[in-house]
């Protein structure tokens, strides 16, 4: 797929302009987006992604359009799973609803930064070492097994990582939120607010999810332009989706299982692709393995759509039959104390 430099510049410029509008215009005032505001934003971003994919079809053909749509759907699904972890973090740290939009905005920006870095690193690795597909494939299969063992999405599955535990233990933190400020001066000393700990939690979560998402997208397309745009479109509108879906996110109890199937499929696809493009001396006498099948993109796209569709239907049916398992999202908009570790320093 040949993409002229000016197409790159225009695409990146427009996407950055959309992001800047979302950050500095829509998100400048801490508030909880209304249902109408969220629905309009999501419809706009999803429609934009569909139009972009159709544009790829017109100018580059159905093969690349299929790769974009398959990559976008996969990354979008992984991002929704990421939202579920965000929901748990907001609940654990008792983030007031009116401040959650700002926290989500920062989390999504961090996700863009981390994914951009991993996209560049992945592209460089693929250009230099084509056998990296074996590692990508093995990593995705390992991730799929890990997700499958978790079973249903549950709050108890979330464990604070070492960075969060270190921050809560070592940073001098206040007990209460001070708007969306990350630090505050009290009695002549500077302390971090609970919002700073929340941002650290969201950032480290983004980093871990980027490790999964980049090998997954490279298993569907090796075109850096499609990898980049699919990831950006998958992150657009997530903030509004968080508020629109509300506790429906908790109802997607089988999302991790569905994603595990998708990631395992892509992992196997990567390994099969690696067999075609590598000449390993200990495999097939140092020649390509011609018998290894290449999975066409139309089959990959159909498999992803069907798997995610079945996952959504079964999740909603399960949660409808067991409503007690679903907890409502925090509704108050008052500043409430955030939970602190027992050894955290108090202001």
C-alpha atoms as a PDB file:
ATOM      1  CA  UNK A   1       0.000   0.000   0.000  1.00  0.00           C
ATOM      2  CA  UNK A   2       1.606   3.250  -1.150  1.00  0.00           C
ATOM      3  CA  UNK A   3       0.761   6.252   0.984  1.00  0.00           C
ATOM      4  CA  UNK A   4       2.228   9.558  -0.152  1.00  0.00           C
ATOM      5  CA  UNK A   5       3.867  11.784   2.429  1.00  0.00           C
ATOM      6  CA  UNK A   6       1.256  14.477   2.033  1.00  0.00           C
ATOM      7  CA  UNK A   7      -1.506  11.944   2.800  1.00  0.00           C
ATOM      8  CA  UNK A   8       0.293  11.100   6.044  1.00  0.00           C
ATOM      9  CA  UNK A   9       0.601  14.793   6.920  1.00  0.00           C
ATOM     10  CA  UNK A  10      -3.054  15.551   6.158  1.00  0.00           C
ATOM     11  CA  UNK A  11      -4.328  12.479   8.035  1.00  0.00           C
ATOM     12  CA  UNK A  12      -2.209  13.074  11.131  1.00  0.00           C
ATOM     13  CA  UNK A  13      -3.048  16.789  11.050  1.00  0.00           C
ATOM     14  CA  UNK A  14      -6.801  16.192  10.874  1.00  0.00           C
ATOM     15  CA  UNK A  15      -6.769  13.556  13.594  1.00  0.00           C
ATOM     16  CA  UNK A  16      -4.688  15.782  15.874  1.00  0.00           C
ATOM     17  CA  UNK A  17      -7.086  18.660  15.187  1.00  0.00           C
ATOM     18  CA  UNK A  18     -10.034  16.451  16.211  1.00  0.00           C
ATOM     19  CA  UNK A  19      -8.188  15.431  19.355  1.00  0.00           C
ATOM     20  CA  UNK A  20      -7.318  19.043  20.182  1.00  0.00           C
ATOM     21  CA  UNK A  21     -10.978  20.047  19.701  1.00  0.00           C
ATOM     22  CA  UNK A  22     -12.077  17.264  22.037  1.00  0.00           C
ATOM     23  CA  UNK A  23      -9.476  18.232  24.666  1.00  0.00           C
ATOM     24  CA  UNK A  24      -9.509  22.011  24.594  1.00  0.00           C
ATOM     25  CA  UNK A  25     -13.106  22.744  23.544  1.00  0.00           C
ATOM     26  CA  UNK A  26     -15.407  19.900  24.593  1.00  0.00           C
ATOM     27  CA  UNK A  27     -13.416  18.682  27.572  1.00  0.00           C
ATOM     28  CA  UNK A  28     -12.285  22.019  28.989  1.00  0.00           C
ATOM     29  CA  UNK A  29     -15.102  22.056  31.548  1.00  0.00           C
ATOM     30  CA  UNK A  30     -15.231  19.165  34.035  1.00  0.00           C
ATOM     31  CA  UNK A  31     -18.719  17.704  33.751  1.00  0.00           C
ATOM     32  CA  UNK A  32     -20.614  14.493  33.146  1.00  0.00           C
ATOM     33  CA  UNK A  33     -21.611  14.373  29.445  1.00  0.00           C
ATOM     34  CA  UNK A  34     -25.325  14.006  28.816  1.00  0.00           C
ATOM     35  CA  UNK A  35     -26.731  10.993  26.988  1.00  0.00           C
ATOM     36  CA  UNK A  36     -27.441  13.157  23.925  1.00  0.00           C
ATOM     37  CA  UNK A  37     -23.930  14.640  23.914  1.00  0.00           C
ATOM     38  CA  UNK A  38     -22.340  11.189  24.239  1.00  0.00           C
ATOM     39  CA  UNK A  39     -24.535   9.597  21.556  1.00  0.00           C
ATOM     40  CA  UNK A  40     -23.819  12.373  19.039  1.00  0.00           C
ATOM     41  CA  UNK A  41     -20.065  12.168  19.645  1.00  0.00           C
ATOM     42  CA  UNK A  42     -19.957   8.369  19.297  1.00  0.00           C
ATOM     43  CA  UNK A  43     -22.081   8.417  16.146  1.00  0.00           C
ATOM     44  CA  UNK A  44     -19.762  11.031  14.668  1.00  0.00           C
ATOM     45  CA  UNK A  45     -16.545   9.147  15.441  1.00  0.00           C
ATOM     46  CA  UNK A  46     -17.880   5.759  14.344  1.00  0.00           C
ATOM     47  CA  UNK A  47     -19.267   7.308  11.163  1.00  0.00           C
ATOM     48  CA  UNK A  48     -15.917   8.959  10.525  1.00  0.00           C
ATOM     49  CA  UNK A  49     -14.140   5.609  10.857  1.00  0.00           C
ATOM     50  CA  UNK A  50     -16.578   3.955   8.451  1.00  0.00           C
ATOM     51  CA  UNK A  51     -16.148   6.770   5.902  1.00  0.00           C
ATOM     52  CA  UNK A  52     -12.374   6.478   6.231  1.00  0.00           C
ATOM     53  CA  UNK A  53     -12.552   2.712   5.636  1.00  0.00           C
ATOM     54  CA  UNK A  54     -14.713   3.251   2.563  1.00  0.00           C
ATOM     55  CA  UNK A  55     -12.169   5.792   1.347  1.00  0.00           C
ATOM     56  CA  UNK A  56      -9.434   3.186   1.715  1.00  0.00           C
ATOM     57  CA  UNK A  57     -11.600   0.830  -0.342  1.00  0.00           C
ATOM     58  CA  UNK A  58     -12.038   3.396  -3.114  1.00  0.00           C
ATOM     59  CA  UNK A  59      -8.395   4.440  -3.357  1.00  0.00           C
ATOM     60  CA  UNK A  60      -6.543   1.237  -2.371  1.00  0.00           C
ATOM     61  CA  UNK A  61      -8.944  -1.659  -2.846  1.00  0.00           C
ATOM     62  CA  UNK A  62     -11.031  -4.052  -0.780  1.00  0.00           C
ATOM     63  CA  UNK A  63      -8.051  -5.934   0.665  1.00  0.00           C
ATOM     64  CA  UNK A  64      -6.695  -2.915   2.526  1.00  0.00           C
ATOM     65  CA  UNK A  65     -10.190  -1.742   3.464  1.00  0.00           C
ATOM     66  CA  UNK A  66     -10.835  -5.152   5.011  1.00  0.00           C
ATOM     67  CA  UNK A  67      -7.563  -4.914   6.923  1.00  0.00           C
ATOM     68  CA  UNK A  68      -8.547  -1.505   8.278  1.00  0.00           C
ATOM     69  CA  UNK A  69     -12.019  -2.603   9.395  1.00  0.00           C
ATOM     70  CA  UNK A  70     -10.691  -5.815  10.975  1.00  0.00           C
ATOM     71  CA  UNK A  71      -7.985  -3.866  12.802  1.00  0.00           C
ATOM     72  CA  UNK A  72     -10.373  -1.120  13.892  1.00  0.00           C
ATOM     73  CA  UNK A  73     -12.954  -3.578  15.273  1.00  0.00           C
ATOM     74  CA  UNK A  74     -10.284  -5.520  17.150  1.00  0.00           C
ATOM     75  CA  UNK A  75      -8.677  -2.404  18.621  1.00  0.00           C
ATOM     76  CA  UNK A  76     -12.087  -0.947  19.477  1.00  0.00           C
ATOM     77  CA  UNK A  77     -13.036  -4.119  21.335  1.00  0.00           C
ATOM     78  CA  UNK A  78      -9.744  -4.095  23.236  1.00  0.00           C
ATOM     79  CA  UNK A  79     -10.355  -0.437  24.075  1.00  0.00           C
ATOM     80  CA  UNK A  80     -13.831  -1.251  25.438  1.00  0.00           C
ATOM     81  CA  UNK A  81     -12.240  -3.925  27.627  1.00  0.00           C
ATOM     82  CA  UNK A  82      -9.816  -1.214  28.729  1.00  0.00           C
ATOM     83  CA  UNK A  83     -12.827   0.936  29.644  1.00  0.00           C
ATOM     84  CA  UNK A  84     -14.005  -1.756  32.011  1.00  0.00           C
ATOM     85  CA  UNK A  85     -10.710  -1.497  33.895  1.00  0.00           C
ATOM     86  CA  UNK A  86     -11.081   2.300  33.884  1.00  0.00           C
ATOM     87  CA  UNK A  87     -14.529   1.827  35.428  1.00  0.00           C
ATOM     88  CA  UNK A  88     -13.048  -0.265  38.228  1.00  0.00           C
ATOM     89  CA  UNK A  89     -10.283   2.298  38.831  1.00  0.00           C
ATOM     90  CA  UNK A  90     -12.831   5.135  39.059  1.00  0.00           C
ATOM     91  CA  UNK A  91     -14.842   3.106  41.551  1.00  0.00           C
ATOM     92  CA  UNK A  92     -11.845   2.032  43.645  1.00  0.00           C
ATOM     93  CA  UNK A  93     -10.614   5.620  43.999  1.00  0.00           C
ATOM     94  CA  UNK A  94     -14.121   7.078  44.367  1.00  0.00           C
ATOM     95  CA  UNK A  95     -13.593   9.632  41.590  1.00  0.00           C
ATOM     96  CA  UNK A  96     -16.553  12.068  41.529  1.00  0.00           C
ATOM     97  CA  UNK A  97     -18.571  11.714  38.331  1.00  0.00           C
ATOM     98  CA  UNK A  98     -17.987  15.309  37.254  1.00  0.00           C
ATOM     99  CA  UNK A  99     -14.210  14.761  37.344  1.00  0.00           C
ATOM    100  CA  UNK A 100     -14.210  11.380  35.597  1.00  0.00           C
ATOM    101  CA  UNK A 101     -14.355  13.005  32.161  1.00  0.00           C
ATOM    102  CA  UNK A 102     -11.013  14.754  32.735  1.00  0.00           C
ATOM    103  CA  UNK A 103      -9.409  11.584  34.075  1.00  0.00           C
ATOM    104  CA  UNK A 104     -10.650   9.618  31.058  1.00  0.00           C
ATOM    105  CA  UNK A 105      -9.384  12.299  28.699  1.00  0.00           C
ATOM    106  CA  UNK A 106      -5.894  12.070  30.155  1.00  0.00           C
ATOM    107  CA  UNK A 107      -6.068   8.280  30.050  1.00  0.00           C
ATOM    108  CA  UNK A 108      -6.994   8.259  26.362  1.00  0.00           C
ATOM    109  CA  UNK A 109      -4.224  10.727  25.492  1.00  0.00           C
ATOM    110  CA  UNK A 110      -1.723   8.504  27.297  1.00  0.00           C
ATOM    111  CA  UNK A 111      -3.082   5.512  25.382  1.00  0.00           C
ATOM    112  CA  UNK A 112      -2.478   7.359  22.095  1.00  0.00           C
ATOM    113  CA  UNK A 113       1.085   8.181  23.100  1.00  0.00           C
ATOM    114  CA  UNK A 114       1.915   4.633  24.211  1.00  0.00           C
ATOM    115  CA  UNK A 115       0.345   3.045  21.144  1.00  0.00           C
ATOM    116  CA  UNK A 116       2.169   5.482  18.867  1.00  0.00           C
ATOM    117  CA  UNK A 117       5.474   4.448  20.422  1.00  0.00           C
ATOM    118  CA  UNK A 118       4.705   0.738  20.148  1.00  0.00           C
ATOM    119  CA  UNK A 119       3.505   1.123  16.537  1.00  0.00           C
ATOM    120  CA  UNK A 120       6.827   2.715  15.586  1.00  0.00           C
ATOM    121  CA  UNK A 121       8.828   0.090  17.471  1.00  0.00           C
ATOM    122  CA  UNK A 122       6.755  -2.721  15.965  1.00  0.00           C
ATOM    123  CA  UNK A 123       7.165  -1.405  12.419  1.00  0.00           C
ATOM    124  CA  UNK A 124      10.939  -1.105  12.876  1.00  0.00           C
ATOM    125  CA  UNK A 125      11.151  -4.617  14.324  1.00  0.00           C
ATOM    126  CA  UNK A 126       9.131  -6.114  11.459  1.00  0.00           C
ATOM    127  CA  UNK A 127      11.338  -4.385   8.855  1.00  0.00           C
ATOM    128  CA  UNK A 128      14.513  -5.680  10.467  1.00  0.00           C
ATOM    129  CA  UNK A 129      13.414  -9.080  11.793  1.00  0.00           C
ATOM    130  CA  UNK A 130      10.561 -10.772   9.983  1.00  0.00           C
ATOM    131  CA  UNK A 131      10.747 -13.668  12.462  1.00  0.00           C
ATOM    132  CA  UNK A 132       9.299 -11.265  15.043  1.00  0.00           C
ATOM    133  CA  UNK A 133       5.896 -12.535  13.882  1.00  0.00           C
ATOM    134  CA  UNK A 134       6.606 -15.773  15.753  1.00  0.00           C
ATOM    135  CA  UNK A 135       7.093 -13.788  18.970  1.00  0.00           C
ATOM    136  CA  UNK A 136       4.008 -11.664  18.321  1.00  0.00           C
ATOM    137  CA  UNK A 137       1.944 -14.776  17.662  1.00  0.00           C
ATOM    138  CA  UNK A 138       3.182 -16.577  20.769  1.00  0.00           C
ATOM    139  CA  UNK A 139       2.547 -13.492  22.902  1.00  0.00           C
ATOM    140  CA  UNK A 140      -1.034 -13.173  21.647  1.00  0.00           C
ATOM    141  CA  UNK A 141      -1.754 -16.852  22.292  1.00  0.00           C
ATOM    142  CA  UNK A 142      -0.326 -16.465  25.812  1.00  0.00           C
ATOM    143  CA  UNK A 143      -2.480 -13.369  26.366  1.00  0.00           C
ATOM    144  CA  UNK A 144      -5.545 -15.217  25.060  1.00  0.00           C
ATOM    145  CA  UNK A 145      -4.979 -18.087  27.500  1.00  0.00           C
ATOM    146  CA  UNK A 146      -4.541 -15.594  30.352  1.00  0.00           C
ATOM    147  CA  UNK A 147      -7.819 -13.836  29.458  1.00  0.00           C
ATOM    148  CA  UNK A 148      -9.670 -17.141  29.104  1.00  0.00           C
ATOM    149  CA  UNK A 149      -8.537 -18.228  32.577  1.00  0.00           C
ATOM    150  CA  UNK A 150      -9.998 -15.024  34.004  1.00  0.00           C
ATOM    151  CA  UNK A 151     -13.404 -16.027  32.674  1.00  0.00           C
ATOM    152  CA  UNK A 152     -16.076 -13.391  33.187  1.00  0.00           C
ATOM    153  CA  UNK A 153     -15.168  -9.735  33.680  1.00  0.00           C
ATOM    154  CA  UNK A 154     -15.229  -9.057  37.393  1.00  0.00           C
ATOM    155  CA  UNK A 155     -14.046  -6.320  39.708  1.00  0.00           C
ATOM    156  CA  UNK A 156     -12.026  -8.856  41.670  1.00  0.00           C
ATOM    157  CA  UNK A 157      -9.901  -9.591  38.581  1.00  0.00           C
ATOM    158  CA  UNK A 158      -8.302  -6.146  38.829  1.00  0.00           C
ATOM    159  CA  UNK A 159      -5.124  -6.026  40.892  1.00  0.00           C
ATOM    160  CA  UNK A 160      -3.143  -2.851  41.460  1.00  0.00           C
ATOM    161  CA  UNK A 161       0.261  -3.105  39.788  1.00  0.00           C
ATOM    162  CA  UNK A 162       3.597  -2.356  41.445  1.00  0.00           C
ATOM    163  CA  UNK A 163       3.709   1.239  40.160  1.00  0.00           C
ATOM    164  CA  UNK A 164       0.340   2.085  41.726  1.00  0.00           C
ATOM    165  CA  UNK A 165       1.259   0.423  45.010  1.00  0.00           C
ATOM    166  CA  UNK A 166       4.557   2.318  45.077  1.00  0.00           C
ATOM    167  CA  UNK A 167       2.837   5.650  44.337  1.00  0.00           C
ATOM    168  CA  UNK A 168       0.223   5.136  47.057  1.00  0.00           C
ATOM    169  CA  UNK A 169       2.913   4.189  49.555  1.00  0.00           C
ATOM    170  CA  UNK A 170       5.616   6.737  48.787  1.00  0.00           C
ATOM    171  CA  UNK A 171       3.860   9.862  47.527  1.00  0.00           C
ATOM    172  CA  UNK A 172       2.517  12.328  50.045  1.00  0.00           C
ATOM    173  CA  UNK A 173      -1.168  12.415  49.196  1.00  0.00           C
ATOM    174  CA  UNK A 174      -4.215  14.251  50.499  1.00  0.00           C
ATOM    175  CA  UNK A 175      -7.426  12.486  51.415  1.00  0.00           C
ATOM    176  CA  UNK A 176      -9.753  14.571  49.255  1.00  0.00           C
ATOM    177  CA  UNK A 177      -9.989  15.661  45.633  1.00  0.00           C
ATOM    178  CA  UNK A 178      -9.222  19.282  44.811  1.00  0.00           C
ATOM    179  CA  UNK A 179     -11.057  19.589  41.519  1.00  0.00           C
ATOM    180  CA  UNK A 180      -8.964  18.041  38.772  1.00  0.00           C
ATOM    181  CA  UNK A 181      -5.681  19.336  40.192  1.00  0.00           C
ATOM    182  CA  UNK A 182      -2.859  16.821  40.547  1.00  0.00           C
ATOM    183  CA  UNK A 183      -1.063  18.651  43.361  1.00  0.00           C
ATOM    184  CA  UNK A 184      -1.991  21.056  46.141  1.00  0.00           C
ATOM    185  CA  UNK A 185      -0.050  23.117  48.679  1.00  0.00           C
ATOM    186  CA  UNK A 186      -1.080  22.726  52.299  1.00  0.00           C
ATOM    187  CA  UNK A 187       0.745  24.300  55.244  1.00  0.00           C
ATOM    188  CA  UNK A 188       3.576  25.300  52.945  1.00  0.00           C
ATOM    189  CA  UNK A 189       4.110  21.753  51.673  1.00  0.00           C
ATOM    190  CA  UNK A 190       3.134  20.291  48.295  1.00  0.00           C
ATOM    191  CA  UNK A 191       1.067  17.128  48.205  1.00  0.00           C
ATOM    192  CA  UNK A 192      -0.362  15.090  45.363  1.00  0.00           C
ATOM    193  CA  UNK A 193      -4.127  14.663  45.178  1.00  0.00           C
ATOM    194  CA  UNK A 194      -5.980  11.376  44.664  1.00  0.00           C
ATOM    195  CA  UNK A 195      -6.428  12.479  41.027  1.00  0.00           C
ATOM    196  CA  UNK A 196      -2.658  12.087  40.510  1.00  0.00           C
ATOM    197  CA  UNK A 197      -2.830   8.487  41.731  1.00  0.00           C
ATOM    198  CA  UNK A 198      -5.787   7.870  39.409  1.00  0.00           C
ATOM    199  CA  UNK A 199      -3.803   9.220  36.421  1.00  0.00           C
ATOM    200  CA  UNK A 200      -0.890   6.927  37.325  1.00  0.00           C
ATOM    201  CA  UNK A 201      -3.300   3.982  37.470  1.00  0.00           C
ATOM    202  CA  UNK A 202      -4.833   4.848  34.097  1.00  0.00           C
ATOM    203  CA  UNK A 203      -1.419   5.396  32.496  1.00  0.00           C
ATOM    204  CA  UNK A 204       0.043   2.077  33.631  1.00  0.00           C
ATOM    205  CA  UNK A 205      -3.139   0.319  32.504  1.00  0.00           C
ATOM    206  CA  UNK A 206      -2.800   1.966  29.069  1.00  0.00           C
ATOM    207  CA  UNK A 207       0.791   0.744  28.842  1.00  0.00           C
ATOM    208  CA  UNK A 208      -0.204  -2.853  29.542  1.00  0.00           C
ATOM    209  CA  UNK A 209      -3.062  -2.755  27.028  1.00  0.00           C
ATOM    210  CA  UNK A 210      -0.747  -1.308  24.355  1.00  0.00           C
ATOM    211  CA  UNK A 211       1.396  -4.437  24.691  1.00  0.00           C
ATOM    212  CA  UNK A 212      -1.613  -6.513  23.589  1.00  0.00           C
ATOM    213  CA  UNK A 213      -3.119  -4.215  20.997  1.00  0.00           C
ATOM    214  CA  UNK A 214      -0.090  -3.606  18.783  1.00  0.00           C
ATOM    215  CA  UNK A 215       0.771  -7.285  18.065  1.00  0.00           C
ATOM    216  CA  UNK A 216      -2.954  -7.851  17.472  1.00  0.00           C
ATOM    217  CA  UNK A 217      -3.221  -5.141  14.815  1.00  0.00           C
ATOM    218  CA  UNK A 218       0.004  -6.248  13.118  1.00  0.00           C
ATOM    219  CA  UNK A 219      -1.536  -9.696  12.873  1.00  0.00           C
ATOM    220  CA  UNK A 220      -4.218  -8.203  10.625  1.00  0.00           C
ATOM    221  CA  UNK A 221      -2.223  -5.688   8.605  1.00  0.00           C
ATOM    222  CA  UNK A 222       1.435  -4.781   8.240  1.00  0.00           C
ATOM    223  CA  UNK A 223       0.660  -1.360   6.778  1.00  0.00           C
ATOM    224  CA  UNK A 224       1.817   1.325   9.289  1.00  0.00           C
ATOM    225  CA  UNK A 225      -0.753   3.790   7.918  1.00  0.00           C
ATOM    226  CA  UNK A 226      -3.628   1.398   8.621  1.00  0.00           C
ATOM    227  CA  UNK A 227      -2.169   0.383  11.982  1.00  0.00           C
ATOM    228  CA  UNK A 228      -1.968   4.019  13.070  1.00  0.00           C
ATOM    229  CA  UNK A 229      -5.396   5.108  11.837  1.00  0.00           C
ATOM    230  CA  UNK A 230      -7.168   1.995  13.177  1.00  0.00           C
ATOM    231  CA  UNK A 231      -5.730   2.668  16.644  1.00  0.00           C
ATOM    232  CA  UNK A 232      -6.626   6.361  16.607  1.00  0.00           C
ATOM    233  CA  UNK A 233     -10.196   5.738  15.458  1.00  0.00           C
ATOM    234  CA  UNK A 234     -10.547   2.994  18.084  1.00  0.00           C
ATOM    235  CA  UNK A 235      -9.709   5.501  20.837  1.00  0.00           C
ATOM    236  CA  UNK A 236     -11.974   8.275  19.567  1.00  0.00           C
ATOM    237  CA  UNK A 237     -15.250   8.584  21.425  1.00  0.00           C
ATOM    238  CA  UNK A 238     -14.250   6.205  24.225  1.00  0.00           C
ATOM    239  CA  UNK A 239     -14.751   8.915  26.823  1.00  0.00           C
ATOM    240  CA  UNK A 240     -18.332   9.467  25.665  1.00  0.00           C
ATOM    241  CA  UNK A 241     -18.892   5.718  25.340  1.00  0.00           C
ATOM    242  CA  UNK A 242     -17.933   5.323  28.992  1.00  0.00           C
ATOM    243  CA  UNK A 243     -20.733   7.649  30.098  1.00  0.00           C
ATOM    244  CA  UNK A 244     -23.266   6.466  27.513  1.00  0.00           C
ATOM    245  CA  UNK A 245     -23.008   2.803  28.390  1.00  0.00           C
ATOM    246  CA  UNK A 246     -22.734   3.355  32.145  1.00  0.00           C
ATOM    247  CA  UNK A 247     -23.271   0.081  33.965  1.00  0.00           C
ATOM    248  CA  UNK A 248     -23.775  -1.684  30.613  1.00  0.00           C
ATOM    249  CA  UNK A 249     -19.977  -2.006  30.564  1.00  0.00           C
ATOM    250  CA  UNK A 250     -20.316  -4.279  33.571  1.00  0.00           C
ATOM    251  CA  UNK A 251     -22.892  -6.347  31.696  1.00  0.00           C
ATOM    252  CA  UNK A 252     -20.357  -7.382  29.049  1.00  0.00           C
ATOM    253  CA  UNK A 253     -19.310 -10.238  31.306  1.00  0.00           C
ATOM    254  CA  UNK A 254     -17.996 -12.426  28.482  1.00  0.00           C
ATOM    255  CA  UNK A 255     -16.002  -9.718  26.713  1.00  0.00           C
ATOM    256  CA  UNK A 256     -12.675 -11.058  27.974  1.00  0.00           C
ATOM    257  CA  UNK A 257     -13.585 -14.553  26.763  1.00  0.00           C
ATOM    258  CA  UNK A 258     -14.561 -13.220  23.351  1.00  0.00           C
ATOM    259  CA  UNK A 259     -11.349 -11.221  23.108  1.00  0.00           C
ATOM    260  CA  UNK A 260      -9.343 -14.270  24.122  1.00  0.00           C
ATOM    261  CA  UNK A 261     -10.803 -16.157  21.149  1.00  0.00           C
ATOM    262  CA  UNK A 262     -10.040 -13.249  18.796  1.00  0.00           C
ATOM    263  CA  UNK A 263      -6.477 -12.827  20.096  1.00  0.00           C
ATOM    264  CA  UNK A 264      -5.806 -16.574  19.871  1.00  0.00           C
ATOM    265  CA  UNK A 265      -7.064 -16.561  16.283  1.00  0.00           C
ATOM    266  CA  UNK A 266      -4.836 -13.612  15.370  1.00  0.00           C
ATOM    267  CA  UNK A 267      -1.893 -15.245  17.149  1.00  0.00           C
ATOM    268  CA  UNK A 268      -2.275 -18.415  15.064  1.00  0.00           C
ATOM    269  CA  UNK A 269      -2.685 -16.251  11.950  1.00  0.00           C
ATOM    270  CA  UNK A 270       0.616 -14.513  12.757  1.00  0.00           C
ATOM    271  CA  UNK A 271       2.463 -17.791  13.188  1.00  0.00           C
ATOM    272  CA  UNK A 272       1.101 -19.112   9.878  1.00  0.00           C
ATOM    273  CA  UNK A 273       2.126 -15.860   8.196  1.00  0.00           C
ATOM    274  CA  UNK A 274       5.616 -16.140   9.706  1.00  0.00           C
ATOM    275  CA  UNK A 275       6.007 -19.599   8.189  1.00  0.00           C
ATOM    276  CA  UNK A 276       5.540 -18.049   4.744  1.00  0.00           C
ATOM    277  CA  UNK A 277       8.000 -15.182   5.116  1.00  0.00           C
ATOM    278  CA  UNK A 278      10.818 -16.775   7.134  1.00  0.00           C
ATOM    279  CA  UNK A 279      13.544 -19.238   6.356  1.00  0.00           C
ATOM    280  CA  UNK A 280      14.539 -20.789   9.666  1.00  0.00           C
ATOM    281  CA  UNK A 281      17.358 -23.358   9.398  1.00  0.00           C
ATOM    282  CA  UNK A 282      15.703 -25.770  11.843  1.00  0.00           C
ATOM    283  CA  UNK A 283      12.330 -25.714  10.055  1.00  0.00           C
ATOM    284  CA  UNK A 284      11.708 -27.411   6.707  1.00  0.00           C
ATOM    285  CA  UNK A 285      15.419 -27.475   5.843  1.00  0.00           C
ATOM    286  CA  UNK A 286      15.739 -23.697   5.857  1.00  0.00           C
ATOM    287  CA  UNK A 287      12.964 -23.050   3.317  1.00  0.00           C
ATOM    288  CA  UNK A 288       9.552 -21.435   3.416  1.00  0.00           C
ATOM    289  CA  UNK A 289       6.753 -23.718   4.597  1.00  0.00           C
ATOM    290  CA  UNK A 290       4.480 -23.736   1.596  1.00  0.00           C
ATOM    291  CA  UNK A 291       1.825 -25.932   3.166  1.00  0.00           C
ATOM    292  CA  UNK A 292       1.035 -23.399   5.903  1.00  0.00           C
ATOM    293  CA  UNK A 293      -2.270 -21.753   4.904  1.00  0.00           C
ATOM    294  CA  UNK A 294      -2.634 -17.991   4.612  1.00  0.00           C
ATOM    295  CA  UNK A 295      -5.866 -16.823   6.241  1.00  0.00           C
ATOM    296  CA  UNK A 296      -7.544 -14.220   3.983  1.00  0.00           C
ATOM    297  CA  UNK A 297      -8.578 -10.900   5.456  1.00  0.00           C
ATOM    298  CA  UNK A 298     -12.262 -11.406   4.594  1.00  0.00           C
ATOM    299  CA  UNK A 299     -12.286 -14.540   6.760  1.00  0.00           C
ATOM    300  CA  UNK A 300     -10.502 -12.700   9.587  1.00  0.00           C
ATOM    301  CA  UNK A 301     -12.993  -9.828   9.440  1.00  0.00           C
ATOM    302  CA  UNK A 302     -15.973 -12.201   9.449  1.00  0.00           C
ATOM    303  CA  UNK A 303     -14.525 -14.237  12.321  1.00  0.00           C
ATOM    304  CA  UNK A 304     -13.986 -11.117  14.433  1.00  0.00           C
ATOM    305  CA  UNK A 305     -17.500  -9.772  13.769  1.00  0.00           C
ATOM    306  CA  UNK A 306     -19.199 -13.103  14.522  1.00  0.00           C
ATOM    307  CA  UNK A 307     -17.147 -13.736  17.668  1.00  0.00           C
ATOM    308  CA  UNK A 308     -17.743 -10.275  19.122  1.00  0.00           C
ATOM    309  CA  UNK A 309     -21.433 -10.438  18.179  1.00  0.00           C
ATOM    310  CA  UNK A 310     -21.923 -13.777  19.937  1.00  0.00           C
ATOM    311  CA  UNK A 311     -19.959 -12.473  22.934  1.00  0.00           C
ATOM    312  CA  UNK A 312     -22.197  -9.405  23.242  1.00  0.00           C
ATOM    313  CA  UNK A 313     -25.458 -11.363  22.921  1.00  0.00           C
ATOM    314  CA  UNK A 314     -24.425 -14.006  25.467  1.00  0.00           C
ATOM    315  CA  UNK A 315     -23.148 -11.338  27.867  1.00  0.00           C
ATOM    316  CA  UNK A 316     -26.390  -9.363  27.794  1.00  0.00           C
ATOM    317  CA  UNK A 317     -28.450 -12.531  28.166  1.00  0.00           C
ATOM    318  CA  UNK A 318     -26.358 -13.671  31.141  1.00  0.00           C
ATOM    319  CA  UNK A 319     -26.494 -10.286  32.888  1.00  0.00           C
ATOM    320  CA  UNK A 320     -30.257 -10.015  32.284  1.00  0.00           C
ATOM    321  CA  UNK A 321     -30.791 -13.337  34.028  1.00  0.00           C
ATOM    322  CA  UNK A 322     -28.518 -12.365  36.935  1.00  0.00           C
ATOM    323  CA  UNK A 323     -29.236  -8.671  37.610  1.00  0.00           C
ATOM    324  CA  UNK A 324     -27.909  -8.863  41.152  1.00  0.00           C
ATOM    325  CA  UNK A 325     -24.414  -9.314  39.813  1.00  0.00           C
ATOM    326  CA  UNK A 326     -24.495  -5.897  38.203  1.00  0.00           C
ATOM    327  CA  UNK A 327     -23.522  -2.950  40.363  1.00  0.00           C
ATOM    328  CA  UNK A 328     -24.590   0.574  39.439  1.00  0.00           C
ATOM    329  CA  UNK A 329     -22.014   3.145  38.470  1.00  0.00           C
ATOM    330  CA  UNK A 330     -21.352   5.803  41.093  1.00  0.00           C
ATOM    331  CA  UNK A 331     -23.876   8.592  40.584  1.00  0.00           C
ATOM    332  CA  UNK A 332     -22.968  11.263  43.096  1.00  0.00           C
ATOM    333  CA  UNK A 333     -21.166  14.346  41.967  1.00  0.00           C
ATOM    334  CA  UNK A 334     -19.869  15.436  45.325  1.00  0.00           C
ATOM    335  CA  UNK A 335     -16.244  15.400  46.334  1.00  0.00           C
ATOM    336  CA  UNK A 336     -15.784  12.346  48.480  1.00  0.00           C
ATOM    337  CA  UNK A 337     -12.634  11.119  50.172  1.00  0.00           C
ATOM    338  CA  UNK A 338     -10.584   8.731  48.089  1.00  0.00           C
ATOM    339  CA  UNK A 339      -9.491   5.463  49.681  1.00  0.00           C
ATOM    340  CA  UNK A 340      -5.935   5.613  50.966  1.00  0.00           C
ATOM    341  CA  UNK A 341      -3.562   2.847  51.865  1.00  0.00           C
ATOM    342  CA  UNK A 342      -2.941   2.425  55.560  1.00  0.00           C
ATOM    343  CA  UNK A 343       0.619   3.636  55.295  1.00  0.00           C
ATOM    344  CA  UNK A 344      -0.077   6.619  53.027  1.00  0.00           C
ATOM    345  CA  UNK A 345       1.110   9.970  54.299  1.00  0.00           C
ATOM    346  CA  UNK A 346      -1.644  12.316  55.347  1.00  0.00           C
ATOM    347  CA  UNK A 347      -1.671  16.023  54.842  1.00  0.00           C
END
